[in-house]
Protein backbone atom coordinates (compact mmCIF):
# COMPACT_ATOMS: atom_id res chain seq x y z
CA UNK A 1 18.39 -42.48 13.83
CA UNK A 2 15.39 -42.22 16.22
CA UNK A 3 11.89 -42.70 14.85
CA UNK A 4 10.21 -39.43 13.89
CA UNK A 5 13.44 -37.47 13.52
CA UNK A 6 13.18 -34.34 11.37
CA UNK A 7 16.29 -32.49 10.34
CA UNK A 8 16.55 -28.81 11.38
CA UNK A 9 16.61 -27.74 7.74
CA UNK A 10 13.39 -29.64 6.98
CA UNK A 11 11.73 -28.27 10.12
CA UNK A 12 12.55 -24.70 9.05
CA UNK A 13 11.20 -25.35 5.55
CA UNK A 14 7.97 -26.75 6.98
CA UNK A 15 7.55 -23.77 9.30
CA UNK A 16 8.17 -21.32 6.47
CA UNK A 17 5.67 -23.07 4.19
CA UNK A 18 3.09 -23.13 6.98
CA UNK A 19 3.48 -19.40 7.61
CA UNK A 20 3.38 -18.51 3.90
CA UNK A 21 0.15 -20.44 3.37
CA UNK A 22 -1.49 -18.73 6.32
CA UNK A 23 -0.46 -15.25 5.14
CA UNK A 24 -1.51 -15.93 1.53
CA UNK A 25 -5.08 -16.69 2.62
CA UNK A 26 -5.66 -13.03 3.46
CA UNK A 27 -5.78 -9.90 1.32
CA UNK A 28 -2.78 -7.79 0.42
CA UNK A 29 -1.88 -4.48 2.01
CA UNK A 30 0.01 -1.66 0.28
CA UNK A 31 2.20 1.17 1.50
CA UNK A 32 3.50 3.87 -0.83
CA UNK A 33 5.02 7.31 -0.74
CA UNK A 34 3.33 10.36 -2.20
CA UNK A 35 4.34 14.00 -2.28
CA UNK A 36 2.79 14.88 1.08
CA UNK A 37 3.70 11.76 3.03
CA UNK A 38 3.02 8.01 3.07
CA UNK A 39 -0.26 6.20 2.27
CA UNK A 40 -1.17 2.85 3.85
CA UNK A 41 -4.20 0.96 2.55
CA UNK A 42 -5.74 -2.50 2.89
CA UNK A 43 -9.07 -4.22 2.24
CA UNK A 44 -10.74 -4.51 5.64
CA UNK A 45 -14.52 -4.58 6.18
CA UNK A 46 -14.15 -4.26 9.96
CA UNK A 47 -14.25 -0.80 11.52
CA UNK A 48 -12.87 -2.04 14.85
CA UNK A 49 -10.19 -4.65 14.05
CA UNK A 50 -7.53 -2.50 12.40
CA UNK A 51 -4.70 -3.65 10.16
CA UNK A 52 -3.16 -0.16 10.15
CA UNK A 53 -2.27 1.76 13.30
CA UNK A 54 -0.08 4.48 14.75
CA UNK A 55 3.09 3.46 16.59
CA UNK A 56 4.66 6.83 17.43
CA UNK A 57 4.73 10.48 16.35
CA UNK A 58 5.80 9.93 12.73
CA UNK A 59 5.66 6.13 12.55
CA UNK A 60 2.86 3.80 11.40
CA UNK A 61 2.32 0.04 11.47
CA UNK A 62 0.53 -2.14 8.93
CA UNK A 63 0.14 -5.91 9.05
CA UNK A 64 -1.48 -8.91 7.39
CA UNK A 65 -2.07 -12.40 8.71
CA UNK A 66 -3.52 -13.56 12.03
CA UNK A 67 -5.10 -10.66 13.87
CA UNK A 68 -4.29 -11.87 17.40
CA UNK A 69 -0.62 -12.34 16.50
CA UNK A 70 0.02 -9.00 14.82
CA UNK A 71 -2.05 -7.19 17.46
CA UNK A 72 0.33 -8.60 20.08
CA UNK A 73 3.26 -7.29 18.05
CA UNK A 74 1.62 -3.88 17.56
CA UNK A 75 1.18 -3.40 21.31
CA UNK A 76 4.74 -4.54 21.97
CA UNK A 77 6.02 -2.04 19.40
CA UNK A 78 4.13 0.81 21.05
CA UNK A 79 5.56 -0.13 24.44
CA UNK A 80 9.08 -0.31 22.98
CA UNK A 81 8.68 3.12 21.33
CA UNK A 82 7.27 4.75 24.47
CA UNK A 83 10.04 3.38 26.70
CA UNK A 84 12.76 4.39 24.23
CA UNK A 85 11.34 7.89 23.89
CA UNK A 86 11.06 8.26 27.67
CA UNK A 87 14.54 6.95 28.47
CA UNK A 88 16.33 8.87 25.72
CA UNK A 89 14.61 11.34 23.38
CA UNK A 90 11.55 11.25 21.14
CA UNK A 91 13.81 11.70 18.11
CA UNK A 92 15.61 8.47 19.05
CA UNK A 93 12.47 6.47 18.22
CA UNK A 94 12.85 5.49 14.55
CA UNK A 95 11.19 3.10 12.14
CA UNK A 96 14.50 1.29 11.72
CA UNK A 97 14.77 0.69 15.47
CA UNK A 98 11.21 -0.62 15.68
CA UNK A 99 11.73 -2.80 12.58
CA UNK A 100 14.83 -4.32 14.17
CA UNK A 101 12.87 -4.92 17.38
CA UNK A 102 10.15 -6.76 15.46
CA UNK A 103 12.75 -8.71 13.48
CA UNK A 104 14.43 -9.98 16.64
CA UNK A 105 11.12 -11.08 18.14
CA UNK A 106 9.81 -12.76 14.99
CA UNK A 107 13.17 -14.46 14.38
CA UNK A 108 13.17 -15.89 17.91
CA UNK A 109 9.58 -17.08 17.59
CA UNK A 110 10.27 -18.69 14.22
CA UNK A 111 13.37 -20.51 15.48
CA UNK A 112 12.27 -21.61 18.94
CA UNK A 113 8.49 -22.08 18.78
CA UNK A 114 6.78 -25.05 17.22
CA UNK A 115 4.37 -22.74 15.37
CA UNK A 116 5.64 -19.53 13.71
CA UNK A 117 3.63 -16.32 13.61
CA UNK A 118 1.56 -16.06 10.42
CA UNK A 119 2.20 -12.35 9.92
CA UNK A 120 3.96 -9.84 7.71
CA UNK A 121 4.54 -6.31 8.94
CA UNK A 122 5.44 -2.94 7.48
CA UNK A 123 6.80 -0.11 9.62
CA UNK A 124 6.80 3.29 7.90
CA UNK A 125 8.22 6.62 9.02
CA UNK A 126 7.57 9.95 7.31
CA UNK A 127 10.41 12.45 7.14
CA UNK A 128 10.55 16.19 6.72
CA UNK A 129 11.47 15.58 3.05
CA UNK A 130 10.50 12.66 0.76
CA UNK A 131 14.07 11.37 0.66
CA UNK A 132 13.95 10.94 4.46
CA UNK A 133 10.93 8.60 4.34
CA UNK A 134 11.52 5.03 5.50
CA UNK A 135 9.51 1.88 4.75
CA UNK A 136 10.58 -1.48 6.21
CA UNK A 137 9.01 -4.88 5.59
CA UNK A 138 9.43 -7.59 8.23
CA UNK A 139 8.48 -11.18 7.40
CA UNK A 140 7.45 -14.08 9.63
CA UNK A 141 11.03 -15.36 10.00
CA UNK A 142 12.47 -12.03 11.10
CA UNK A 143 13.88 -10.93 7.74
CA UNK A 144 13.93 -7.15 7.20
CA UNK A 145 13.99 -5.35 3.85
CA UNK A 146 14.13 -1.64 3.09
CA UNK A 147 11.41 -0.84 0.53
CA UNK A 148 11.95 2.47 -1.31
CA UNK A 149 8.83 4.03 -2.79
CA UNK A 150 6.22 1.33 -2.30
CA UNK A 151 5.62 -2.20 -1.06
CA UNK A 152 2.81 -4.76 -1.32
CA UNK A 153 2.71 -7.62 1.18
CA UNK A 154 0.43 -10.48 2.15
CA UNK A 155 -2.13 -12.26 -0.01
CA UNK A 156 -1.35 -12.10 -3.74
CA UNK A 157 1.54 -9.69 -3.16
CA UNK A 158 3.29 -10.47 -6.46
CA UNK A 159 0.29 -9.48 -8.60
CA UNK A 160 -0.42 -6.38 -6.51
CA UNK A 161 3.23 -5.34 -6.62
CA UNK A 162 3.30 -5.72 -10.41
CA UNK A 163 0.40 -3.26 -10.77
CA UNK A 164 2.01 -0.82 -8.34
CA UNK A 165 5.27 -0.99 -10.28
CA UNK A 166 3.43 0.16 -13.41
CA UNK A 167 1.41 2.88 -11.67
CA UNK A 168 3.86 4.30 -9.12
CA UNK A 169 6.03 7.34 -9.75
CA UNK A 170 7.82 9.65 -7.30
CA UNK A 171 6.06 12.88 -6.40
CA UNK A 172 2.50 11.61 -6.85
CA UNK A 173 -0.38 13.51 -5.29
CA UNK A 174 -2.54 11.81 -2.67
CA UNK A 175 -5.29 11.23 -5.25
CA UNK A 176 -2.83 9.67 -7.70
CA UNK A 177 -1.30 7.47 -4.98
CA UNK A 178 -4.76 6.40 -3.82
CA UNK A 179 -5.76 5.55 -7.40
CA UNK A 180 -2.62 3.43 -7.84
CA UNK A 181 -3.20 1.61 -4.55
CA UNK A 182 -6.89 1.03 -5.32
CA UNK A 183 -6.08 -0.31 -8.78
CA UNK A 184 -3.47 -2.67 -7.34
CA UNK A 185 -5.72 -3.98 -4.55
CA UNK A 186 -8.62 -4.45 -7.00
CA UNK A 187 -6.55 -6.89 -9.08
CA UNK A 188 -7.08 -10.55 -8.18
CA UNK A 189 -4.81 -13.48 -8.88
CA UNK A 190 -6.74 -14.64 -11.98
CA UNK A 191 -6.48 -11.22 -13.65
CA UNK A 192 -10.05 -10.16 -12.88
CA UNK A 193 -10.89 -6.94 -11.05
CA UNK A 194 -12.89 -6.59 -7.86
CA UNK A 195 -14.42 -3.16 -7.29
CA UNK A 196 -13.78 -2.12 -3.67
CA UNK A 197 -16.20 0.19 -1.87
CA UNK A 198 -15.30 2.61 0.91
CA UNK A 199 -16.85 0.26 3.49
CA UNK A 200 -14.41 -2.46 2.41
CA UNK A 201 -11.26 -0.37 2.78
CA UNK A 202 -9.03 0.78 5.60
CA UNK A 203 -6.68 3.65 4.79
CA UNK A 204 -4.43 6.01 6.69
CA UNK A 205 -1.71 8.51 5.91
CA UNK A 206 1.40 9.89 7.56
CA UNK A 207 1.01 13.60 6.81
CA UNK A 208 4.38 15.27 6.25
CA UNK A 209 3.00 18.75 6.94
CA UNK A 210 2.19 17.96 10.55
CA UNK A 211 4.87 18.56 13.18
CA UNK A 212 3.40 16.12 15.72
CA UNK A 213 1.12 13.07 15.46
CA UNK A 214 1.32 12.80 11.69
CA UNK A 215 -0.88 9.68 11.58
CA UNK A 216 -4.41 10.28 10.30
CA UNK A 217 -7.08 7.79 9.34
CA UNK A 218 -8.94 8.39 6.09
CA UNK A 219 -12.59 8.31 7.12
CA UNK A 220 -15.63 7.18 5.11
CA UNK A 221 -16.55 10.53 3.53
CA UNK A 222 -13.00 11.20 2.35
CA UNK A 223 -12.65 7.60 1.17
CA UNK A 224 -15.76 7.99 -1.00
CA UNK A 225 -14.35 11.20 -2.42
CA UNK A 226 -10.96 9.64 -3.21
CA UNK A 227 -12.57 6.57 -4.79
CA UNK A 228 -14.75 8.79 -6.98
CA UNK A 229 -11.76 10.89 -8.05
CA UNK A 230 -9.68 7.78 -8.75
CA UNK A 231 -12.32 6.19 -10.95
CA UNK A 232 -13.07 9.39 -12.86
CA UNK A 233 -9.35 9.85 -13.54
CA UNK A 234 -9.14 6.24 -14.68
CA UNK A 235 -12.04 6.60 -17.08
CA UNK A 236 -10.52 9.73 -18.58
CA UNK A 237 -7.20 7.96 -19.06
CA UNK A 238 -8.97 5.07 -20.79
CA UNK A 239 -10.59 7.32 -23.42
CA UNK A 240 -8.61 7.41 -26.69
CA UNK A 241 -7.39 10.86 -27.69
CA UNK A 242 -9.26 12.59 -30.50
CA UNK A 243 -7.50 12.41 -33.84
CA UNK A 244 -6.65 15.81 -35.36
CA UNK A 245 -8.68 16.64 -38.47
CA UNK A 246 -6.96 15.77 -41.73
CA UNK A 247 -6.67 18.00 -44.76
CA UNK A 248 -9.86 18.52 -46.72
CA UNK A 249 -10.22 16.61 -50.00
CA UNK A 250 -12.77 16.38 -52.77
CA UNK A 251 -14.69 19.00 -54.72
CA UNK A 252 -15.58 21.01 -51.60
CA UNK A 253 -11.99 21.37 -50.40
CA UNK A 254 -11.26 24.89 -49.29
CA UNK A 255 -14.97 25.83 -49.16
CA UNK A 256 -15.98 25.42 -45.50
CA UNK A 257 -19.12 27.54 -45.75
CA UNK A 258 -20.90 25.72 -48.58
CA UNK A 259 -24.58 25.19 -48.08
CA UNK A 260 -24.77 27.49 -45.03
CA UNK A 261 -23.75 24.63 -42.74
CA UNK A 262 -20.39 25.58 -41.18
CA UNK A 263 -18.49 28.78 -40.57
CA UNK A 264 -14.80 29.14 -41.21
CA UNK A 265 -13.95 28.57 -37.53
CA UNK A 266 -15.97 25.32 -37.07
CA UNK A 267 -14.75 21.73 -37.20
CA UNK A 268 -16.17 18.85 -39.22
CA UNK A 269 -19.97 18.49 -39.09
CA UNK A 270 -21.56 15.87 -36.90
């Protein structure tokens, strides 16, 4: 056996471990369905280097990992979508087709290159009805999974996904979906919470009500509004419900007007 020989199986394991470590150093991104479309959100303090972008009419792209690598993939996906739509029909451009295109490219890079891409990608497509929505997750080795409802990827994805699993339900409003995503992204690996401001977030939606160009970025003013609504809803949910008054006891039972204090329609005195 020649000196320095590494078996193919060991080489693949080393590549996979290298890619996972690189992806885990970043922050997670979440994608989830709500009643009016699909929400994509990620912590991102930069206003120019986007993690979330439009690919085609009803299709969005979200990624974590090395910016230069997933930006190359984003541009390639746009080119693929434009050429497919031009050669055939705009309706022939689908999230599944783009996900397969990314999977083939990432699989080839992982197998043939010395260094794999340190990226994870989600391609989402909004349908005319919620059951027609599609969310696909593509990993660094070219694996593709269909993610119904929601998906968290990159960073501490397991912890973020666990929070989303508790908070997510079909038919959520945009405010409810945003609150669930914000709660999940605010959870760190050690169980502590990190409050995220609007300047630290990047968010976009695929709006089901639009016939063309459904992708819309959620800008700063709307982000502030959604964060405020999410936190006010959370504080209300945290308040314990008031216990109903019990039956009156003691010598004053049945006499609610004694001493001129309370009328017959009032509750217990403060």
